[in-house]
Amino acid sequence: MMHALRRTVGDDAFFGTLQRWTADHAYGNASFPQFEALAAKVSGKDLKGFFDAWAHGTTMPSKEYLYPGTLAPLADGRHG
C-alpha cells in the first residue's frame, strides 16, 4: 500500500507526509484516519478512493489503485 501511495502522490508529497507524520507524532499516538487526512493535505489530492480500496475494502484493490502512476504497465503485463 505504501509503495502504491508513493506512486499515487509522487515522491515529494510521499516523503513530505512521512516526515511531517513522524515530527507531529514523535512522542504520541495517532490514528490511521489522521494519516489519511495528512496524506491528502500534503499531496493536495483526493485520496478517498485510494484509501477505501487499500485500507477499508475487503477485496484486492482495482488495477487503478494497485498499479498507480508508473506502475501502470505492470497491470497489463508490460514491463518496459
PDB file of N, CA and C in Angstrom:
ATOM      1  N   MET A   1       0.819  -1.178   0.000  1.00  0.00           N
ATOM      2  CA  MET A   1       0.000   0.000   0.000  1.00  0.00           C
ATOM      3  C   MET A   1       0.872   1.253   0.000  1.00  0.00           C
ATOM      4  N   MET A   2       1.917   1.243   0.798  1.00  0.00           N
ATOM      5  CA  MET A   2       2.748   2.445   0.894  1.00  0.00           C
ATOM      6  C   MET A   2       3.449   2.737  -0.434  1.00  0.00           C
ATOM      7  N   HIS A   3       3.890   1.705  -1.132  1.00  0.00           N
ATOM      8  CA  HIS A   3       4.527   1.936  -2.432  1.00  0.00           C
ATOM      9  C   HIS A   3       3.503   2.480  -3.430  1.00  0.00           C
ATOM     10  N   ALA A   4       2.310   1.949  -3.402  1.00  0.00           N
ATOM     11  CA  ALA A   4       1.257   2.449  -4.290  1.00  0.00           C
ATOM     12  C   ALA A   4       0.898   3.888  -3.925  1.00  0.00           C
ATOM     13  N   LEU A   5       0.888   4.214  -2.634  1.00  0.00           N
ATOM     14  CA  LEU A   5       0.636   5.592  -2.223  1.00  0.00           C
ATOM     15  C   LEU A   5       1.729   6.509  -2.765  1.00  0.00           C
ATOM     16  N   ARG A   6       2.982   6.068  -2.662  1.00  0.00           N
ATOM     17  CA  ARG A   6       4.097   6.859  -3.186  1.00  0.00           C
ATOM     18  C   ARG A   6       3.927   7.126  -4.672  1.00  0.00           C
ATOM     19  N   ARG A   7       3.529   6.108  -5.429  1.00  0.00           N
ATOM     20  CA  ARG A   7       3.331   6.266  -6.872  1.00  0.00           C
ATOM     21  C   ARG A   7       2.107   7.120  -7.184  1.00  0.00           C
ATOM     22  N   THR A   8       1.153   7.157  -6.285  1.00  0.00           N
ATOM     23  CA  THR A   8      -0.063   7.951  -6.487  1.00  0.00           C
ATOM     24  C   THR A   8       0.182   9.431  -6.236  1.00  0.00           C
ATOM     25  N   VAL A   9       0.912   9.749  -5.172  1.00  0.00           N
ATOM     26  CA  VAL A   9       1.084  11.156  -4.790  1.00  0.00           C
ATOM     27  C   VAL A   9       2.408  11.751  -5.251  1.00  0.00           C
ATOM     28  N   GLY A  10       3.376  10.912  -5.606  1.00  0.00           N
ATOM     29  CA  GLY A  10       4.691  11.395  -6.001  1.00  0.00           C
ATOM     30  C   GLY A  10       5.650  11.415  -4.823  1.00  0.00           C
ATOM     31  N   ASP A  11       6.931  11.407  -5.135  1.00  0.00           N
ATOM     32  CA  ASP A  11       7.965  11.322  -4.100  1.00  0.00           C
ATOM     33  C   ASP A  11       7.923  12.488  -3.116  1.00  0.00           C
ATOM     34  N   ASP A  12       7.799  13.707  -3.620  1.00  0.00           N
ATOM     35  CA  ASP A  12       7.833  14.868  -2.733  1.00  0.00           C
ATOM     36  C   ASP A  12       6.710  14.822  -1.702  1.00  0.00           C
ATOM     37  N   ALA A  13       5.494  14.551  -2.153  1.00  0.00           N
ATOM     38  CA  ALA A  13       4.358  14.501  -1.230  1.00  0.00           C
ATOM     39  C   ALA A  13       4.453  13.286  -0.311  1.00  0.00           C
ATOM     40  N   PHE A  14       4.897  12.164  -0.843  1.00  0.00           N
ATOM     41  CA  PHE A  14       5.004  10.951  -0.027  1.00  0.00           C
ATOM     42  C   PHE A  14       6.000  11.148   1.110  1.00  0.00           C
ATOM     43  N   PHE A  15       7.209  11.572   0.766  1.00  0.00           N
ATOM     44  CA  PHE A  15       8.225  11.735   1.802  1.00  0.00           C
ATOM     45  C   PHE A  15       7.930  12.931   2.697  1.00  0.00           C
ATOM     46  N   GLY A  16       7.292  13.952   2.148  1.00  0.00           N
ATOM     47  CA  GLY A  16       6.848  15.072   2.969  1.00  0.00           C
ATOM     48  C   GLY A  16       5.823  14.639   4.001  1.00  0.00           C
ATOM     49  N   THR A  17       4.921  13.763   3.598  1.00  0.00           N
ATOM     50  CA  THR A  17       3.916  13.222   4.523  1.00  0.00           C
ATOM     51  C   THR A  17       4.598  12.429   5.640  1.00  0.00           C
ATOM     52  N   LEU A  18       5.532  11.562   5.279  1.00  0.00           N
ATOM     53  CA  LEU A  18       6.210  10.754   6.286  1.00  0.00           C
ATOM     54  C   LEU A  18       7.011  11.614   7.256  1.00  0.00           C
ATOM     55  N   GLN A  19       7.699  12.615   6.738  1.00  0.00           N
ATOM     56  CA  GLN A  19       8.477  13.489   7.610  1.00  0.00           C
ATOM     57  C   GLN A  19       7.575  14.269   8.563  1.00  0.00           C
ATOM     58  N   ARG A  20       6.503  14.791   8.033  1.00  0.00           N
ATOM     59  CA  ARG A  20       5.587  15.557   8.886  1.00  0.00           C
ATOM     60  C   ARG A  20       4.918  14.641   9.905  1.00  0.00           C
ATOM     61  N   TRP A  21       4.520  13.452   9.477  1.00  0.00           N
ATOM     62  CA  TRP A  21       3.871  12.492  10.361  1.00  0.00           C
ATOM     63  C   TRP A  21       4.768  12.163  11.550  1.00  0.00           C
ATOM     64  N   THR A  22       6.025  11.847  11.271  1.00  0.00           N
ATOM     65  CA  THR A  22       6.920  11.477  12.365  1.00  0.00           C
ATOM     66  C   THR A  22       7.229  12.671  13.263  1.00  0.00           C
ATOM     67  N   ALA A  23       7.319  13.854  12.695  1.00  0.00           N
ATOM     68  CA  ALA A  23       7.564  15.051  13.514  1.00  0.00           C
ATOM     69  C   ALA A  23       6.351  15.380  14.378  1.00  0.00           C
ATOM     70  N   ASP A  24       5.169  15.316  13.794  1.00  0.00           N
ATOM     71  CA  ASP A  24       3.949  15.669  14.528  1.00  0.00           C
ATOM     72  C   ASP A  24       3.597  14.670  15.629  1.00  0.00           C
ATOM     73  N   HIS A  25       4.002  13.414  15.475  1.00  0.00           N
ATOM     74  CA  HIS A  25       3.577  12.367  16.407  1.00  0.00           C
ATOM     75  C   HIS A  25       4.763  11.647  17.051  1.00  0.00           C
ATOM     76  N   ALA A  26       5.889  12.322  17.147  1.00  0.00           N
ATOM     77  CA  ALA A  26       7.109  11.691  17.665  1.00  0.00           C
ATOM     78  C   ALA A  26       6.943  11.134  19.067  1.00  0.00           C
ATOM     79  N   TYR A  27       6.170  11.789  19.897  1.00  0.00           N
ATOM     80  CA  TYR A  27       6.053  11.352  21.286  1.00  0.00           C
ATOM     81  C   TYR A  27       4.611  11.035  21.670  1.00  0.00           C
ATOM     82  N   GLY A  28       3.836  10.606  20.687  1.00  0.00           N
ATOM     83  CA  GLY A  28       2.441  10.322  20.979  1.00  0.00           C
ATOM     84  C   GLY A  28       1.863   9.307  20.027  1.00  0.00           C
ATOM     85  N   ASN A  29       0.583   9.230  20.045  1.00  0.00           N
ATOM     86  CA  ASN A  29      -0.155   8.298  19.204  1.00  0.00           C
ATOM     87  C   ASN A  29      -1.019   9.065  18.222  1.00  0.00           C
ATOM     88  N   ALA A  30      -1.402   8.389  17.177  1.00  0.00           N
ATOM     89  CA  ALA A  30      -2.297   8.973  16.186  1.00  0.00           C
ATOM     90  C   ALA A  30      -3.060   7.841  15.515  1.00  0.00           C
ATOM     91  N   SER A  31      -4.090   8.210  14.800  1.00  0.00           N
ATOM     92  CA  SER A  31      -4.935   7.209  14.156  1.00  0.00           C
ATOM     93  C   SER A  31      -4.637   7.135  12.658  1.00  0.00           C
ATOM     94  N   PHE A  32      -5.053   6.035  12.061  1.00  0.00           N
ATOM     95  CA  PHE A  32      -4.885   5.903  10.615  1.00  0.00           C
ATOM     96  C   PHE A  32      -5.716   6.940   9.862  1.00  0.00           C
ATOM     97  N   PRO A  33      -6.937   7.251  10.283  1.00  0.00           N
ATOM     98  CA  PRO A  33      -7.669   8.326   9.603  1.00  0.00           C
ATOM     99  C   PRO A  33      -6.903   9.659   9.625  1.00  0.00           C
ATOM    100  N   GLN A  34      -6.144   9.910  10.677  1.00  0.00           N
ATOM    101  CA  GLN A  34      -5.320  11.121  10.715  1.00  0.00           C
ATOM    102  C   GLN A  34      -4.212  11.050   9.657  1.00  0.00           C
ATOM    103  N   PHE A  35      -3.642   9.861   9.467  1.00  0.00           N
ATOM    104  CA  PHE A  35      -2.624   9.693   8.430  1.00  0.00           C
ATOM    105  C   PHE A  35      -3.237   9.924   7.052  1.00  0.00           C
ATOM    106  N   GLU A  36      -4.413   9.374   6.830  1.00  0.00           N
ATOM    107  CA  GLU A  36      -5.103   9.566   5.548  1.00  0.00           C
ATOM    108  C   GLU A  36      -5.330  11.052   5.277  1.00  0.00           C
ATOM    109  N   ALA A  37      -5.792  11.768   6.275  1.00  0.00           N
ATOM    110  CA  ALA A  37      -6.053  13.202   6.115  1.00  0.00           C
ATOM    111  C   ALA A  37      -4.768  13.970   5.843  1.00  0.00           C
ATOM    112  N   LEU A  38      -3.694  13.616   6.524  1.00  0.00           N
ATOM    113  CA  LEU A  38      -2.423  14.296   6.299  1.00  0.00           C
ATOM    114  C   LEU A  38      -1.901  14.029   4.891  1.00  0.00           C
ATOM    115  N   ALA A  39      -1.973  12.790   4.446  1.00  0.00           N
ATOM    116  CA  ALA A  39      -1.507  12.454   3.093  1.00  0.00           C
ATOM    117  C   ALA A  39      -2.295  13.237   2.044  1.00  0.00           C
ATOM    118  N   ALA A  40      -3.589  13.360   2.226  1.00  0.00           N
ATOM    119  CA  ALA A  40      -4.415  14.131   1.294  1.00  0.00           C
ATOM    120  C   ALA A  40      -4.049  15.608   1.338  1.00  0.00           C
ATOM    121  N   LYS A  41      -3.826  16.131   2.529  1.00  0.00           N
ATOM    122  CA  LYS A  41      -3.490  17.548   2.677  1.00  0.00           C
ATOM    123  C   LYS A  41      -2.139  17.863   2.034  1.00  0.00           C
ATOM    124  N   VAL A  42      -1.135  17.057   2.337  1.00  0.00           N
ATOM    125  CA  VAL A  42       0.204  17.308   1.803  1.00  0.00           C
ATOM    126  C   VAL A  42       0.230  17.145   0.290  1.00  0.00           C
ATOM    127  N   SER A  43      -0.458  16.140  -0.222  1.00  0.00           N
ATOM    128  CA  SER A  43      -0.437  15.880  -1.668  1.00  0.00           C
ATOM    129  C   SER A  43      -1.365  16.798  -2.441  1.00  0.00           C
ATOM    130  N   GLY A  44      -2.383  17.335  -1.769  1.00  0.00           N
ATOM    131  CA  GLY A  44      -3.373  18.134  -2.468  1.00  0.00           C
ATOM    132  C   GLY A  44      -4.294  17.292  -3.339  1.00  0.00           C
ATOM    133  N   LYS A  45      -4.336  15.991  -3.070  1.00  0.00           N
ATOM    134  CA  LYS A  45      -5.155  15.069  -3.867  1.00  0.00           C
ATOM    135  C   LYS A  45      -6.271  14.470  -3.014  1.00  0.00           C
ATOM    136  N   ASP A  46      -7.350  14.132  -3.682  1.00  0.00           N
ATOM    137  CA  ASP A  46      -8.439  13.404  -3.037  1.00  0.00           C
ATOM    138  C   ASP A  46      -8.033  11.932  -3.011  1.00  0.00           C
ATOM    139  N   LEU A  47      -7.706  11.426  -1.848  1.00  0.00           N
ATOM    140  CA  LEU A  47      -7.224  10.050  -1.722  1.00  0.00           C
ATOM    141  C   LEU A  47      -8.271   9.103  -1.150  1.00  0.00           C
ATOM    142  N   LYS A  48      -9.512   9.538  -1.082  1.00  0.00           N
ATOM    143  CA  LYS A  48     -10.574   8.708  -0.522  1.00  0.00           C
ATOM    144  C   LYS A  48     -10.673   7.361  -1.241  1.00  0.00           C
ATOM    145  N   GLY A  49     -10.719   7.387  -2.562  1.00  0.00           N
ATOM    146  CA  GLY A  49     -10.810   6.142  -3.333  1.00  0.00           C
ATOM    147  C   GLY A  49      -9.617   5.237  -3.088  1.00  0.00           C
ATOM    148  N   PHE A  50      -8.435   5.834  -3.031  1.00  0.00           N
ATOM    149  CA  PHE A  50      -7.218   5.058  -2.784  1.00  0.00           C
ATOM    150  C   PHE A  50      -7.295   4.351  -1.438  1.00  0.00           C
ATOM    151  N   PHE A  51      -7.580   5.114  -0.372  1.00  0.00           N
ATOM    152  CA  PHE A  51      -7.618   4.509   0.959  1.00  0.00           C
ATOM    153  C   PHE A  51      -8.822   3.590   1.140  1.00  0.00           C
ATOM    154  N   ASP A  52      -9.938   3.890   0.491  1.00  0.00           N
ATOM    155  CA  ASP A  52     -11.069   2.959   0.536  1.00  0.00           C
ATOM    156  C   ASP A  52     -10.659   1.618  -0.064  1.00  0.00           C
ATOM    157  N   ALA A  53      -9.942   1.674  -1.187  1.00  0.00           N
ATOM    158  CA  ALA A  53      -9.528   0.448  -1.866  1.00  0.00           C
ATOM    159  C   ALA A  53      -8.493  -0.336  -1.057  1.00  0.00           C
ATOM    160  N   TRP A  54      -7.520   0.365  -0.501  1.00  0.00           N
ATOM    161  CA  TRP A  54      -6.416  -0.301   0.179  1.00  0.00           C
ATOM    162  C   TRP A  54      -6.676  -0.607   1.651  1.00  0.00           C
ATOM    163  N   ALA A  55      -7.292   0.301   2.369  1.00  0.00           N
ATOM    164  CA  ALA A  55      -7.376   0.150   3.823  1.00  0.00           C
ATOM    165  C   ALA A  55      -8.763  -0.171   4.352  1.00  0.00           C
ATOM    166  N   HIS A  56      -9.782   0.113   3.575  1.00  0.00           N
ATOM    167  CA  HIS A  56     -11.139  -0.056   4.092  1.00  0.00           C
ATOM    168  C   HIS A  56     -11.950  -1.101   3.337  1.00  0.00           C
ATOM    169  N   GLY A  57     -11.391  -1.627   2.266  1.00  0.00           N
ATOM    170  CA  GLY A  57     -12.102  -2.629   1.472  1.00  0.00           C
ATOM    171  C   GLY A  57     -11.829  -4.032   1.967  1.00  0.00           C
ATOM    172  N   THR A  58     -12.563  -4.952   1.401  1.00  0.00           N
ATOM    173  CA  THR A  58     -12.387  -6.358   1.771  1.00  0.00           C
ATOM    174  C   THR A  58     -11.921  -7.199   0.589  1.00  0.00           C
ATOM    175  N   THR A  59     -11.632  -6.537  -0.532  1.00  0.00           N
ATOM    176  CA  THR A  59     -11.150  -7.241  -1.713  1.00  0.00           C
ATOM    177  C   THR A  59      -9.867  -6.565  -2.187  1.00  0.00           C
ATOM    178  N   MET A  60      -9.192  -7.221  -3.120  1.00  0.00           N
ATOM    179  CA  MET A  60      -7.980  -6.649  -3.684  1.00  0.00           C
ATOM    180  C   MET A  60      -8.321  -5.335  -4.376  1.00  0.00           C
ATOM    181  N   PRO A  61      -7.483  -4.308  -4.217  1.00  0.00           N
ATOM    182  CA  PRO A  61      -7.750  -3.031  -4.891  1.00  0.00           C
ATOM    183  C   PRO A  61      -7.824  -3.199  -6.404  1.00  0.00           C
ATOM    184  N   SER A  62      -8.614  -2.361  -7.050  1.00  0.00           N
ATOM    185  CA  SER A  62      -8.689  -2.404  -8.508  1.00  0.00           C
ATOM    186  C   SER A  62      -7.339  -2.007  -9.087  1.00  0.00           C
ATOM    187  N   LYS A  63      -7.124  -2.314 -10.354  1.00  0.00           N
ATOM    188  CA  LYS A  63      -5.850  -2.010 -11.010  1.00  0.00           C
ATOM    189  C   LYS A  63      -5.502  -0.531 -10.927  1.00  0.00           C
ATOM    190  N   GLU A  64      -6.498   0.327 -10.937  1.00  0.00           N
ATOM    191  CA  GLU A  64      -6.282   1.772 -10.815  1.00  0.00           C
ATOM    192  C   GLU A  64      -5.485   2.105  -9.562  1.00  0.00           C
ATOM    193  N   TYR A  65      -5.767   1.420  -8.470  1.00  0.00           N
ATOM    194  CA  TYR A  65      -5.102   1.677  -7.201  1.00  0.00           C
ATOM    195  C   TYR A  65      -3.953   0.702  -6.936  1.00  0.00           C
ATOM    196  N   LEU A  66      -4.023  -0.465  -7.517  1.00  0.00           N
ATOM    197  CA  LEU A  66      -2.979  -1.473  -7.328  1.00  0.00           C
ATOM    198  C   LEU A  66      -1.718  -1.112  -8.109  1.00  0.00           C
ATOM    199  N   TYR A  67      -1.911  -0.511  -9.288  1.00  0.00           N
ATOM    200  CA  TYR A  67      -0.793  -0.146 -10.161  1.00  0.00           C
ATOM    201  C   TYR A  67      -0.878   1.320 -10.567  1.00  0.00           C
ATOM    202  N   PRO A  68      -0.753   2.256  -9.622  1.00  0.00           N
ATOM    203  CA  PRO A  68      -0.874   3.670  -9.973  1.00  0.00           C
ATOM    204  C   PRO A  68       0.386   4.227 -10.635  1.00  0.00           C
ATOM    205  N   GLY A  69       0.215   5.334 -11.327  1.00  0.00           N
ATOM    206  CA  GLY A  69       1.343   6.062 -11.900  1.00  0.00           C
ATOM    207  C   GLY A  69       2.230   5.210 -12.771  1.00  0.00           C
ATOM    208  N   THR A  70       3.513   5.203 -12.462  1.00  0.00           N
ATOM    209  CA  THR A  70       4.487   4.492 -13.278  1.00  0.00           C
ATOM    210  C   THR A  70       4.381   2.976 -13.166  1.00  0.00           C
ATOM    211  N   LEU A  71       3.542   2.486 -12.273  1.00  0.00           N
ATOM    212  CA  LEU A  71       3.340   1.050 -12.152  1.00  0.00           C
ATOM    213  C   LEU A  71       2.299   0.527 -13.141  1.00  0.00           C
ATOM    214  N   ALA A  72       1.590   1.426 -13.819  1.00  0.00           N
ATOM    215  CA  ALA A  72       0.502   1.046 -14.729  1.00  0.00           C
ATOM    216  C   ALA A  72       0.895  -0.019 -15.748  1.00  0.00           C
ATOM    217  N   PRO A  73       2.091   0.021 -16.348  1.00  0.00           N
ATOM    218  CA  PRO A  73       2.437  -1.036 -17.319  1.00  0.00           C
ATOM    219  C   PRO A  73       2.401  -2.435 -16.732  1.00  0.00           C
ATOM    220  N   LEU A  74       2.574  -2.561 -15.426  1.00  0.00           N
ATOM    221  CA  LEU A  74       2.516  -3.883 -14.793  1.00  0.00           C
ATOM    222  C   LEU A  74       1.101  -4.455 -14.797  1.00  0.00           C
ATOM    223  N   ALA A  75       0.116  -3.596 -14.867  1.00  0.00           N
ATOM    224  CA  ALA A  75      -1.278  -4.039 -14.822  1.00  0.00           C
ATOM    225  C   ALA A  75      -1.641  -4.879 -16.033  1.00  0.00           C
ATOM    226  N   ASP A  76      -1.026  -4.600 -17.158  1.00  0.00           N
ATOM    227  CA  ASP A  76      -1.369  -5.374 -18.360  1.00  0.00           C
ATOM    228  C   ASP A  76      -0.194  -6.231 -18.849  1.00  0.00           C
ATOM    229  N   GLY A  77       0.764  -6.444 -17.981  1.00  0.00           N
ATOM    230  CA  GLY A  77       1.855  -7.350 -18.309  1.00  0.00           C
ATOM    231  C   GLY A  77       3.028  -6.715 -19.029  1.00  0.00           C
ATOM    232  N   ARG A  78       2.978  -5.424 -19.307  1.00  0.00           N
ATOM    233  CA  ARG A  78       4.126  -4.766 -19.965  1.00  0.00           C
ATOM    234  C   ARG A  78       5.170  -4.447 -18.889  1.00  0.00           C
ATOM    235  N   HIS A  79       6.382  -4.725 -19.167  1.00  0.00           N
ATOM    236  CA  HIS A  79       7.443  -4.490 -18.190  1.00  0.00           C
ATOM    237  C   HIS A  79       8.564  -3.639 -18.781  1.00  0.00           C
ATOM    238  N   GLY A  80       8.238  -2.672 -19.576  1.00  0.00           N
ATOM    239  CA  GLY A  80       9.273  -1.887 -20.242  1.00  0.00           C
ATOM    240  C   GLY A  80       9.480  -0.613 -19.680  1.00  0.00           C
TER     241      GLY A  80
END
